[in-house]
Amino acid sequence: MKLRCAILDDYQQVALSATDWSRILDKVEVKSIDRHIDQPEELVEQLADCDIVVIMRERTPFRASLLAKLPRLKLLVTTGMRNASIDLTAAASQGVTVCGTGGAGNATAELTWALILGLARNIVQEHNAIRSGQWQSTIGSDLYGKTLGVLGLGKLGSKIAKFGQAFGMDVVAWSQNLTKERADEIGVRLAASKEELLESSDFVSIHLVLSDRTRGMIGAGELKRMRPSAYLINTSRAPIVDQAALAEALQSGWIAGAAVDVFEVEPLPQDDIYRSLPNLLTTPHIGYVSRANYEAFYKDVVEDIEAYLSGSPVRTLS
């Protein structure tokens, strides 16, 4: 009898065409679900007969309460090598192997820069203005000569810093563990503090891992330190920024605008204020949604399943 595998949240209906699944189809029956299921009862019903579940990033959390209702589950594969929405302790105690995947690595940085340009040149507003018969309704902000503040100088933050340098920006970086040696290696200035970075930057881009230390790192006090002409960009994780404080900052003019690709509740509720703020540029968590990334994700998903079936799991998370 074949094992049963469900792929969740396949919004673009590309999971089954992104890679070659034929290598496992003699042992595994695969189904794709192309919508988000937010009702726990329906989710359990869809997954009750599954031995393997594939999840896309953090779209569907796998907490202890859900895992306990899926006694047949033996392998959970998440795209990416980090997923804060999985209770790894509960999975381990239930005998569920959790594996991750690699990725292409450039998509989020490229989207971040698209958002920065979109903010600076009011691209969405001008596009909509043309569609409604108007012409030249805004004045853009320049990037050349401005200061880009990068919170977190890891793989993504370093790429954004280099993009900024290519556009002639003065780049300053800060994080709790950032050293001068690392800043010098990338060729950016090390801010003496988070406050200094916020006060001196025209654009602030967040590239930090969500943790107890970074949760709520940007709150009302931090937003008030930013320049009224400054912009905040978050393509990392929503809880790093106090969501209510950011809404207030945008409504009250503490900052000129913001761009976000991540939200505390996803998909974003229809009545969420983030859907209506005129100086907020939003995208639906598509930083990682690119063809190269999806091909890399699902290629590794198949490899993870093959390895598990052979008794030697790879890319296990703990």
Protein backbone atom coordinates (compact mmCIF):
# COMPACT_ATOMS: atom_id res chain seq x y z
CA MET A 1 0.00 0.00 0.00
CA LYS A 2 1.31 3.45 -0.92
CA LEU A 3 1.97 6.13 1.66
CA ARG A 4 -0.15 9.25 1.33
CA CYS A 5 1.35 12.73 1.06
CA ALA A 6 -0.40 16.11 1.11
CA ILE A 7 1.15 19.36 -0.08
CA LEU A 8 -0.45 22.30 1.71
CA ASP A 9 -0.97 25.89 0.57
CA ASP A 10 0.03 25.35 -3.04
CA TYR A 11 -1.46 28.75 -3.91
CA GLN A 12 -0.03 28.97 -7.43
CA GLN A 13 -0.69 25.29 -8.22
CA VAL A 14 2.95 24.72 -9.15
CA ALA A 15 4.17 22.18 -6.59
CA LEU A 16 3.63 19.16 -8.81
CA SER A 17 5.24 20.77 -11.86
CA ALA A 18 8.17 22.45 -10.12
CA THR A 19 10.20 19.24 -9.97
CA ASP A 20 10.13 15.55 -10.90
CA TRP A 21 7.94 13.64 -8.45
CA SER A 22 7.99 10.42 -10.50
CA ARG A 23 10.91 9.10 -8.45
CA ILE A 24 8.61 8.47 -5.46
CA LEU A 25 5.21 7.87 -7.07
CA ASP A 26 5.64 4.11 -6.94
CA LYS A 27 5.65 4.37 -3.15
CA VAL A 28 3.77 7.60 -2.42
CA GLU A 29 0.41 8.96 -3.49
CA VAL A 30 0.66 12.76 -3.65
CA LYS A 31 -2.13 15.33 -3.51
CA SER A 32 -1.86 19.10 -3.67
CA ILE A 33 -4.16 21.53 -1.84
CA ASP A 34 -4.12 24.94 -3.52
CA ARG A 35 -5.87 26.98 -0.84
CA HIS A 36 -5.20 27.94 2.74
CA ILE A 37 -7.20 25.97 5.30
CA ASP A 38 -7.63 28.01 8.46
CA GLN A 39 -10.29 25.86 10.14
CA PRO A 40 -8.58 23.24 12.36
CA GLU A 41 -11.36 20.71 11.88
CA GLU A 42 -11.13 20.86 8.09
CA LEU A 43 -7.34 20.69 8.21
CA VAL A 44 -7.42 17.54 10.34
CA GLU A 45 -9.99 16.03 7.99
CA GLN A 46 -7.77 16.71 4.97
CA LEU A 47 -4.66 15.28 6.63
CA ALA A 48 -6.06 12.45 8.74
CA ASP A 49 -5.00 9.74 6.26
CA CYS A 50 -1.60 11.26 5.42
CA ASP A 51 1.74 9.76 6.37
CA ILE A 52 3.66 12.72 4.89
CA VAL A 53 2.80 16.41 4.83
CA VAL A 54 4.68 19.10 2.91
CA ILE A 55 4.25 22.69 4.08
CA MET A 56 5.29 25.95 2.45
CA ARG A 57 7.25 28.01 4.94
CA GLU A 58 5.02 29.16 7.82
CA ARG A 59 1.70 29.34 5.99
CA THR A 60 0.15 26.59 8.12
CA PRO A 61 1.48 26.24 11.70
CA PHE A 62 2.03 22.75 13.08
CA ARG A 63 1.61 23.17 16.83
CA ALA A 64 1.28 20.37 19.38
CA SER A 65 -2.52 20.53 19.27
CA LEU A 66 -2.60 19.80 15.52
CA LEU A 67 0.11 17.16 15.62
CA ALA A 68 -1.76 15.28 18.34
CA LYS A 69 -4.73 14.91 15.99
CA LEU A 70 -2.59 13.39 13.22
CA PRO A 71 -1.40 10.05 14.67
CA ARG A 72 -0.66 8.68 11.21
CA LEU A 73 1.80 11.46 10.35
CA LYS A 74 5.41 10.26 10.16
CA LEU A 75 7.22 12.86 8.02
CA LEU A 76 6.74 16.64 7.94
CA VAL A 77 8.73 18.53 5.31
CA THR A 78 8.96 22.31 5.40
CA THR A 79 10.49 24.46 2.71
CA GLY A 80 13.50 26.28 4.12
CA MET A 81 15.72 25.19 6.98
CA ARG A 82 13.96 27.22 9.68
CA ASN A 83 10.26 27.23 10.56
CA ALA A 84 9.15 28.84 13.81
CA SER A 85 5.57 27.63 13.31
CA ILE A 86 6.48 23.96 13.88
CA ASP A 87 6.56 22.60 17.43
CA LEU A 88 9.67 20.48 16.98
CA THR A 89 9.51 19.14 20.53
CA ALA A 90 5.96 17.89 20.07
CA ALA A 91 6.86 16.42 16.69
CA ALA A 92 9.81 14.53 18.15
CA SER A 93 7.76 13.17 21.06
CA GLN A 94 5.16 11.91 18.59
CA GLY A 95 7.80 10.25 16.42
CA VAL A 96 7.42 12.66 13.51
CA THR A 97 10.57 13.34 11.50
CA VAL A 98 10.85 16.99 10.42
CA CYS A 99 13.00 17.91 7.43
CA GLY A 100 13.78 21.15 5.63
CA THR A 101 15.05 22.21 2.23
CA GLY A 102 17.51 24.57 0.66
CA GLY A 103 16.52 27.46 -1.59
CA ALA A 104 17.79 29.68 -4.38
CA GLY A 105 18.70 32.45 -1.94
CA ASN A 106 18.17 35.68 -3.89
CA ALA A 107 14.43 36.21 -4.11
CA THR A 108 13.83 38.01 -0.82
CA ALA A 109 16.69 40.44 -1.32
CA GLU A 110 15.42 41.29 -4.81
CA LEU A 111 11.89 41.88 -3.54
CA THR A 112 13.22 44.05 -0.73
CA TRP A 113 14.92 46.29 -3.25
CA ALA A 114 11.78 46.40 -5.37
CA LEU A 115 9.88 47.63 -2.30
CA ILE A 116 12.50 50.29 -1.58
CA LEU A 117 12.27 51.56 -5.15
CA GLY A 118 8.48 51.34 -5.03
CA LEU A 119 8.40 53.50 -1.92
CA ALA A 120 10.97 55.99 -3.14
CA ARG A 121 9.35 56.61 -6.52
CA ASN A 122 5.68 56.10 -5.56
CA ILE A 123 5.38 53.48 -8.29
CA VAL A 124 2.03 52.05 -7.20
CA GLN A 125 0.44 55.48 -6.81
CA GLU A 126 1.68 56.65 -10.20
CA HIS A 127 0.55 53.43 -11.88
CA ASN A 128 -2.91 53.81 -10.38
CA ALA A 129 -2.96 57.50 -11.32
CA ILE A 130 -2.30 56.71 -14.97
CA ARG A 131 -5.07 54.11 -14.94
CA SER A 132 -7.47 56.76 -13.61
CA GLY A 133 -6.48 59.39 -16.18
CA GLN A 134 -4.04 61.45 -14.09
CA TRP A 135 -0.44 62.44 -14.84
CA GLN A 136 2.52 63.03 -12.47
CA SER A 137 0.81 63.20 -9.10
CA THR A 138 3.78 62.67 -6.75
CA ILE A 139 7.41 63.70 -6.23
CA GLY A 140 9.84 60.84 -5.72
CA SER A 141 12.62 60.48 -3.18
CA ASP A 142 16.20 59.96 -4.36
CA LEU A 143 18.33 57.03 -3.24
CA TYR A 144 21.72 58.38 -4.35
CA GLY A 145 23.45 60.07 -1.44
CA LYS A 146 20.85 58.94 1.11
CA THR A 147 21.52 56.71 4.11
CA LEU A 148 20.37 53.11 4.14
CA GLY A 149 20.16 51.52 7.58
CA VAL A 150 20.34 47.72 7.60
CA LEU A 151 19.23 45.90 10.73
CA GLY A 152 21.02 42.56 10.53
CA LEU A 153 24.03 41.94 8.30
CA GLY A 154 23.65 38.24 7.55
CA LYS A 155 23.18 36.77 4.08
CA LEU A 156 20.16 38.90 3.20
CA GLY A 157 21.27 42.04 4.98
CA SER A 158 24.65 41.88 3.26
CA LYS A 159 23.00 41.66 -0.16
CA ILE A 160 20.80 44.67 0.60
CA ALA A 161 23.86 46.59 1.78
CA LYS A 162 25.61 45.88 -1.52
CA PHE A 163 22.50 46.90 -3.48
CA GLY A 164 22.51 50.17 -1.57
CA GLN A 165 26.16 50.75 -2.33
CA ALA A 166 25.50 50.13 -6.04
CA PHE A 167 22.86 52.88 -5.92
CA GLY A 168 25.30 55.31 -4.31
CA MET A 169 23.84 55.14 -0.82
CA ASP A 170 25.71 55.50 2.44
CA VAL A 171 25.08 52.20 4.23
CA VAL A 172 25.10 51.80 7.99
CA ALA A 173 24.32 48.54 9.81
CA TRP A 174 23.55 47.33 13.31
CA SER A 175 22.46 44.23 15.17
CA GLN A 176 23.07 42.99 18.68
CA ASN A 177 25.95 40.72 17.64
CA LEU A 178 27.34 42.66 14.69
CA THR A 179 31.08 43.29 14.88
CA LYS A 180 33.18 46.00 13.27
CA GLU A 181 35.13 43.28 11.48
CA ARG A 182 31.97 42.00 9.79
CA ALA A 183 30.86 45.53 8.89
CA ASP A 184 34.29 46.28 7.45
CA GLU A 185 34.17 43.04 5.45
CA ILE A 186 30.96 44.18 3.75
CA GLY A 187 32.21 47.76 3.47
CA VAL A 188 29.56 49.44 5.60
CA ARG A 189 29.62 51.62 8.70
CA LEU A 190 28.79 50.03 12.04
CA ALA A 191 26.26 52.08 13.98
CA ALA A 192 27.07 52.53 17.64
CA SER A 193 23.49 51.59 18.55
CA LYS A 194 20.09 50.76 17.14
CA GLU A 195 18.99 54.26 18.07
CA GLU A 196 21.81 55.86 16.09
CA LEU A 197 20.90 53.83 13.02
CA LEU A 198 17.22 54.78 13.25
CA GLU A 199 17.95 58.46 13.76
CA SER A 200 20.43 58.73 10.89
CA SER A 201 18.79 56.62 8.17
CA ASP A 202 16.51 57.63 5.33
CA PHE A 203 15.55 54.00 4.66
CA VAL A 204 15.63 51.27 7.32
CA SER A 205 15.48 47.64 6.13
CA ILE A 206 15.00 44.77 8.59
CA HIS A 207 16.88 41.49 8.07
CA LEU A 208 16.82 39.81 11.48
CA VAL A 209 15.78 36.35 12.63
CA LEU A 210 12.69 36.38 14.84
CA SER A 211 13.64 35.44 18.40
CA ASP A 212 12.88 36.49 21.95
CA ARG A 213 15.51 39.22 21.54
CA THR A 214 14.13 40.64 18.31
CA ARG A 215 10.38 40.29 18.93
CA GLY A 216 8.98 43.81 19.28
CA MET A 217 12.41 45.35 18.65
CA ILE A 218 10.85 48.18 16.65
CA GLY A 219 8.09 49.75 18.72
CA ALA A 220 6.60 53.19 19.15
CA GLY A 221 9.74 54.58 20.77
CA GLU A 222 11.95 53.37 17.94
CA LEU A 223 9.59 54.62 15.23
CA LYS A 224 9.50 58.07 16.82
CA ARG A 225 13.30 58.18 16.61
CA MET A 226 13.14 57.84 12.83
CA ARG A 227 13.04 60.89 10.59
CA PRO A 228 9.59 62.09 9.46
CA SER A 229 10.90 61.68 5.89
CA ALA A 230 12.18 58.14 6.48
CA TYR A 231 10.83 54.78 5.32
CA LEU A 232 10.75 51.38 7.06
CA ILE A 233 10.94 48.11 5.09
CA ASN A 234 10.22 44.71 6.65
CA THR A 235 10.63 41.52 4.62
CA SER A 236 11.81 39.51 7.63
CA ARG A 237 9.12 38.64 10.19
CA ALA A 238 6.15 40.76 11.24
CA PRO A 239 6.51 40.45 15.06
CA ILE A 240 9.90 42.17 14.95
CA VAL A 241 7.85 45.35 14.49
CA ASP A 242 5.00 46.31 16.82
CA GLN A 243 2.16 46.20 14.31
CA ALA A 244 -0.13 48.63 16.12
CA ALA A 245 2.73 51.08 16.61
CA LEU A 246 3.61 50.95 12.91
CA ALA A 247 -0.01 51.68 11.96
CA GLU A 248 -0.01 54.65 14.35
CA ALA A 249 3.34 55.87 12.98
CA LEU A 250 1.96 55.85 9.44
CA GLN A 251 -1.32 57.50 10.40
CA SER A 252 0.34 60.16 12.57
CA GLY A 253 3.24 60.97 10.25
CA TRP A 254 6.05 59.81 12.50
CA ILE A 255 7.58 58.37 9.32
CA ALA A 256 6.86 59.01 5.64
CA GLY A 257 5.94 55.45 4.76
CA ALA A 258 6.66 51.76 5.05
CA ALA A 259 6.69 48.59 2.99
CA VAL A 260 5.94 45.16 4.43
CA ASP A 261 5.84 41.66 2.99
CA VAL A 262 5.08 39.90 6.28
CA PHE A 263 2.11 39.98 8.64
CA GLU A 264 1.22 38.52 12.02
CA VAL A 265 -1.87 36.84 10.56
CA GLU A 266 -1.58 35.42 7.05
CA PRO A 267 -3.48 35.61 4.80
CA LEU A 268 -4.16 39.17 5.95
CA PRO A 269 -7.76 39.56 7.23
CA GLN A 270 -10.07 41.54 4.97
CA ASP A 271 -10.71 44.21 7.62
CA ASP A 272 -7.07 44.67 8.65
CA ILE A 273 -5.97 48.31 8.73
CA TYR A 274 -2.86 47.36 6.77
CA ARG A 275 -5.08 46.94 3.71
CA SER A 276 -6.07 50.62 3.72
CA LEU A 277 -3.15 52.77 4.91
CA PRO A 278 -2.24 55.01 1.94
CA ASN A 279 1.47 55.30 2.85
CA LEU A 280 1.97 51.56 3.34
CA LEU A 281 3.17 49.43 0.42
CA THR A 282 2.20 45.79 0.93
CA THR A 283 2.95 42.48 -0.77
CA PRO A 284 1.45 39.11 0.32
CA HIS A 285 4.58 37.46 1.76
CA ILE A 286 6.14 36.81 -1.64
CA GLY A 287 9.75 37.44 -0.71
CA TYR A 288 10.57 33.77 -1.27
CA VAL A 289 8.01 33.23 -4.05
CA SER A 290 10.13 32.95 -7.19
CA ARG A 291 10.51 30.25 -9.83
CA ALA A 292 14.09 29.42 -8.88
CA ASN A 293 13.19 29.19 -5.21
CA TYR A 294 10.18 26.95 -5.80
CA GLU A 295 12.19 24.63 -8.02
CA ALA A 296 14.88 24.37 -5.35
CA PHE A 297 12.30 23.87 -2.59
CA TYR A 298 10.38 21.05 -4.23
CA LYS A 299 13.49 19.33 -5.60
CA ASP A 300 14.69 19.02 -2.02
CA VAL A 301 11.23 17.97 -0.83
CA VAL A 302 11.37 14.95 -3.12
CA GLU A 303 14.92 14.20 -1.97
CA ASP A 304 13.77 14.43 1.67
CA ILE A 305 10.96 11.95 1.05
CA GLU A 306 13.28 9.58 -0.83
CA ALA A 307 15.84 9.69 1.96
CA TYR A 308 13.20 9.10 4.62
CA LEU A 309 11.83 6.12 2.72
CA SER A 310 15.35 4.67 2.51
CA GLY A 311 15.74 4.97 6.28
CA SER A 312 18.32 7.77 6.21
CA PRO A 313 16.54 11.14 6.59
CA VAL A 314 18.43 14.24 5.43
CA ARG A 315 18.18 17.92 6.40
CA THR A 316 16.45 17.03 9.65
CA LEU A 317 15.41 19.88 11.96
CA SER A 318 15.61 19.81 15.71
